Amino acid sequence: MIFDFIPDQDIRKNLENAVDFILVLIEKQKDASESDTSLYMEEINRVLILYIVSIIEALLSYIYHLHPDKMTRLEYKEIKEIGKNYINSKIAGKVVAAVQVHVERQSSEITLKSLIEFLQHKKILKKETAEAIRKFNHIRNSVHLSKARKGEGCSVDLVEEAVHLLIKVRAGSRKAIVSFK
């Protein structure tokens, strides 16, 4: 069990299934014949990186949810218009008074980018690791077919680099999760 340090059985099973799928794809890639196009091989590499980064994101998200500090966003409460005489002529808006409060971000508002920033700020994620995750997240986002892929090759070497990053993040995740118990 490579994720035995995660007590949540559902998350652990999802991560293990994702790793199993990665291994199946790697085997399929090894079995691919020379007649397979380089595009086919490159797309398999993209899917591998998509899964690897998704596993990394799940690990970072799990660490975040165990961490006592949380990410917040500003919200404005008790908004009151000051008066019709006060209008911002530059943007034709009303002038208001409000109470500014910090509200914990919902799960849907937490991105991989914000997880990286938060965990790096909390000294859980090293700068080099954060930069590597950003690099592979950029490649993961190239799976979107609506985005241009010029110069966005996806080689076996990149997949190997991503696997090494996953191993590094997994080891760091184990340490972080154990430290929160």
Protein backbone atom coordinates (compact mmCIF):
# COMPACT_ATOMS: atom_id res chain seq x y z
CA MET A 1 0.00 0.00 0.00
CA ILE A 2 1.87 3.05 -1.20
CA PHE A 3 -0.62 5.44 0.41
CA ASP A 4 -1.05 3.57 3.71
CA PHE A 5 -0.31 6.81 5.59
CA ILE A 6 -3.68 8.24 4.45
CA PRO A 7 -6.35 7.10 6.91
CA ASP A 8 -9.28 8.09 4.66
CA GLN A 9 -10.01 4.81 2.86
CA ASP A 10 -11.90 6.42 -0.05
CA ILE A 11 -9.10 8.86 -0.87
CA ARG A 12 -6.46 6.17 -0.43
CA LYS A 13 -8.37 3.84 -2.80
CA ASN A 14 -8.78 6.62 -5.40
CA LEU A 15 -5.05 7.34 -5.30
CA GLU A 16 -4.12 3.67 -5.54
CA ASN A 17 -6.51 3.18 -8.48
CA ALA A 18 -4.94 6.16 -10.24
CA VAL A 19 -1.46 4.67 -9.76
CA ASP A 20 -2.71 1.33 -11.09
CA PHE A 21 -4.08 3.10 -14.18
CA ILE A 22 -0.73 4.86 -14.68
CA LEU A 23 1.01 1.47 -14.60
CA VAL A 24 -1.46 0.06 -17.15
CA LEU A 25 -0.83 3.02 -19.48
CA ILE A 26 2.94 2.60 -19.15
CA GLU A 27 2.60 -1.08 -20.08
CA LYS A 28 0.40 -0.17 -23.07
CA GLN A 29 3.01 2.31 -24.14
CA LYS A 30 5.75 -0.34 -23.93
CA ASP A 31 3.61 -2.68 -26.05
CA ALA A 32 2.95 -0.04 -28.69
CA SER A 33 4.29 -0.96 -32.08
CA GLU A 34 6.58 1.17 -34.19
CA SER A 35 3.64 1.81 -36.49
CA ASP A 36 1.95 3.84 -33.75
CA THR A 37 2.27 7.51 -34.44
CA SER A 38 4.30 9.84 -32.32
CA LEU A 39 1.04 11.74 -31.69
CA TYR A 40 -0.44 8.60 -30.10
CA MET A 41 2.62 8.22 -27.87
CA GLU A 42 2.60 11.91 -26.96
CA GLU A 43 -1.09 11.76 -26.00
CA ILE A 44 -0.43 8.77 -23.73
CA ASN A 45 2.34 10.83 -22.10
CA ARG A 46 -0.10 13.73 -21.60
CA VAL A 47 -2.60 11.41 -19.92
CA LEU A 48 0.15 10.01 -17.70
CA ILE A 49 1.14 13.51 -16.62
CA LEU A 50 -2.52 14.42 -16.10
CA TYR A 51 -2.88 11.50 -13.68
CA ILE A 52 0.45 12.14 -11.94
CA VAL A 53 -0.37 15.81 -11.32
CA SER A 54 -3.90 14.87 -10.22
CA ILE A 55 -2.43 12.51 -7.61
CA ILE A 56 -0.06 15.26 -6.45
CA GLU A 57 -2.98 17.69 -6.22
CA ALA A 58 -5.00 15.18 -4.18
CA LEU A 59 -2.09 14.73 -1.77
CA LEU A 60 -1.62 18.48 -1.36
CA SER A 61 -5.36 18.94 -0.89
CA TYR A 62 -5.42 16.26 1.80
CA ILE A 63 -2.52 17.92 3.62
CA TYR A 64 -4.30 21.27 3.39
CA HIS A 65 -7.49 19.89 4.93
CA LEU A 66 -5.49 18.51 7.86
CA HIS A 67 -3.61 21.78 8.40
CA PRO A 68 -5.03 23.95 11.19
CA ASP A 69 -4.72 27.17 9.14
CA LYS A 70 -7.07 27.78 6.23
CA MET A 71 -7.14 29.94 3.13
CA THR A 72 -9.56 32.84 3.23
CA ARG A 73 -11.07 35.37 0.90
CA LEU A 74 -12.43 38.83 1.59
CA GLU A 75 -16.16 39.30 1.75
CA TYR A 76 -18.11 42.50 2.27
CA LYS A 77 -21.05 42.44 4.70
CA GLU A 78 -23.61 45.04 5.73
CA ILE A 79 -23.14 46.98 2.49
CA LYS A 80 -24.82 50.39 2.66
CA GLU A 81 -24.97 53.08 0.02
CA ILE A 82 -23.53 56.30 1.42
CA GLY A 83 -25.84 58.49 -0.54
CA LYS A 84 -26.88 59.50 -4.02
CA ASN A 85 -24.64 62.59 -3.82
CA TYR A 86 -21.56 60.39 -3.73
CA ILE A 87 -20.90 58.83 -7.12
CA ASN A 88 -17.55 57.78 -8.51
CA SER A 89 -17.52 59.54 -11.87
CA LYS A 90 -14.56 57.55 -13.20
CA ILE A 91 -16.44 54.28 -13.19
CA ALA A 92 -20.00 55.51 -12.65
CA GLY A 93 -20.38 53.46 -9.50
CA LYS A 94 -22.09 54.06 -6.20
CA VAL A 95 -19.99 54.76 -3.11
CA VAL A 96 -20.77 52.37 -0.27
CA ALA A 97 -19.64 51.52 3.24
CA ALA A 98 -19.22 47.89 4.23
CA VAL A 99 -17.67 45.62 6.81
CA GLN A 100 -14.76 43.65 5.40
CA VAL A 101 -14.43 40.08 6.78
CA HIS A 102 -12.19 37.11 6.02
CA VAL A 103 -14.18 33.99 5.13
CA GLU A 104 -12.71 30.50 4.73
CA ARG A 105 -12.54 29.47 1.08
CA GLN A 106 -14.85 26.68 -0.03
CA SER A 107 -13.28 23.55 -1.56
CA SER A 108 -14.45 24.64 -5.01
CA GLU A 109 -12.42 27.86 -4.64
CA ILE A 110 -9.16 26.07 -3.88
CA THR A 111 -6.97 25.48 -6.93
CA LEU A 112 -3.69 23.66 -7.30
CA LYS A 113 -2.03 27.06 -7.66
CA SER A 114 -3.47 28.25 -4.33
CA LEU A 115 -2.54 24.95 -2.63
CA ILE A 116 1.05 25.32 -3.80
CA GLU A 117 1.24 28.93 -2.57
CA PHE A 118 -0.34 28.09 0.80
CA LEU A 119 1.82 25.02 1.49
CA GLN A 120 4.96 26.81 0.34
CA HIS A 121 4.15 29.74 2.65
CA LYS A 122 3.63 27.28 5.53
CA LYS A 123 7.06 25.73 4.77
CA ILE A 124 5.50 22.36 3.96
CA LEU A 125 6.46 22.58 0.29
CA LYS A 126 9.94 23.60 -0.81
CA LYS A 127 10.41 26.20 -3.54
CA GLU A 128 12.00 23.74 -5.98
CA THR A 129 9.19 21.25 -5.51
CA ALA A 130 6.58 23.98 -5.94
CA GLU A 131 8.21 25.10 -9.19
CA ALA A 132 8.29 21.53 -10.51
CA ILE A 133 4.61 21.03 -9.69
CA ARG A 134 3.78 24.29 -11.50
CA LYS A 135 5.74 23.10 -14.55
CA PHE A 136 3.84 19.81 -14.73
CA ASN A 137 0.52 21.48 -14.01
CA HIS A 138 1.14 23.65 -17.08
CA ILE A 139 1.69 20.46 -19.10
CA ARG A 140 -1.41 18.88 -17.53
CA ASN A 141 -3.44 21.87 -18.67
CA SER A 142 -2.30 21.23 -22.26
CA VAL A 143 -4.75 18.30 -22.27
CA HIS A 144 -7.48 20.90 -22.87
CA LEU A 145 -8.12 20.68 -26.58
CA SER A 146 -9.16 24.32 -26.82
CA LYS A 147 -5.63 25.47 -25.91
CA ALA A 148 -2.74 25.79 -28.34
CA ARG A 149 -0.01 23.17 -27.92
CA LYS A 150 2.77 24.80 -29.90
CA GLY A 151 6.08 23.88 -28.34
CA GLU A 152 4.26 21.77 -25.73
CA GLY A 153 5.81 18.39 -26.50
CA CYS A 154 5.27 15.65 -23.97
CA SER A 155 8.09 13.11 -23.95
CA VAL A 156 8.81 9.93 -22.03
CA ASP A 157 11.60 11.87 -20.28
CA LEU A 158 9.01 14.35 -18.97
CA VAL A 159 6.85 11.49 -17.72
CA GLU A 160 9.84 9.99 -15.90
CA GLU A 161 10.58 13.39 -14.36
CA ALA A 162 6.94 13.66 -13.26
CA VAL A 163 7.07 10.19 -11.69
CA HIS A 164 10.15 11.22 -9.69
CA LEU A 165 8.30 14.34 -8.57
CA LEU A 166 5.32 12.23 -7.47
CA ILE A 167 7.63 10.00 -5.43
CA LYS A 168 9.15 13.09 -3.80
CA VAL A 169 5.74 14.64 -3.03
CA ARG A 170 4.46 11.31 -1.67
CA ALA A 171 7.40 11.10 0.74
CA GLY A 172 6.87 14.70 1.86
CA SER A 173 3.13 14.08 2.21
CA ARG A 174 3.76 11.15 4.53
CA LYS A 175 5.90 13.35 6.78
CA ALA A 176 3.38 16.22 6.76
CA ILE A 177 0.37 14.00 7.48
CA VAL A 178 2.12 12.19 10.31
CA SER A 179 3.15 15.55 11.83
CA PHE A 180 -0.51 16.69 12.02
CA LYS A 181 -1.60 13.66 14.06
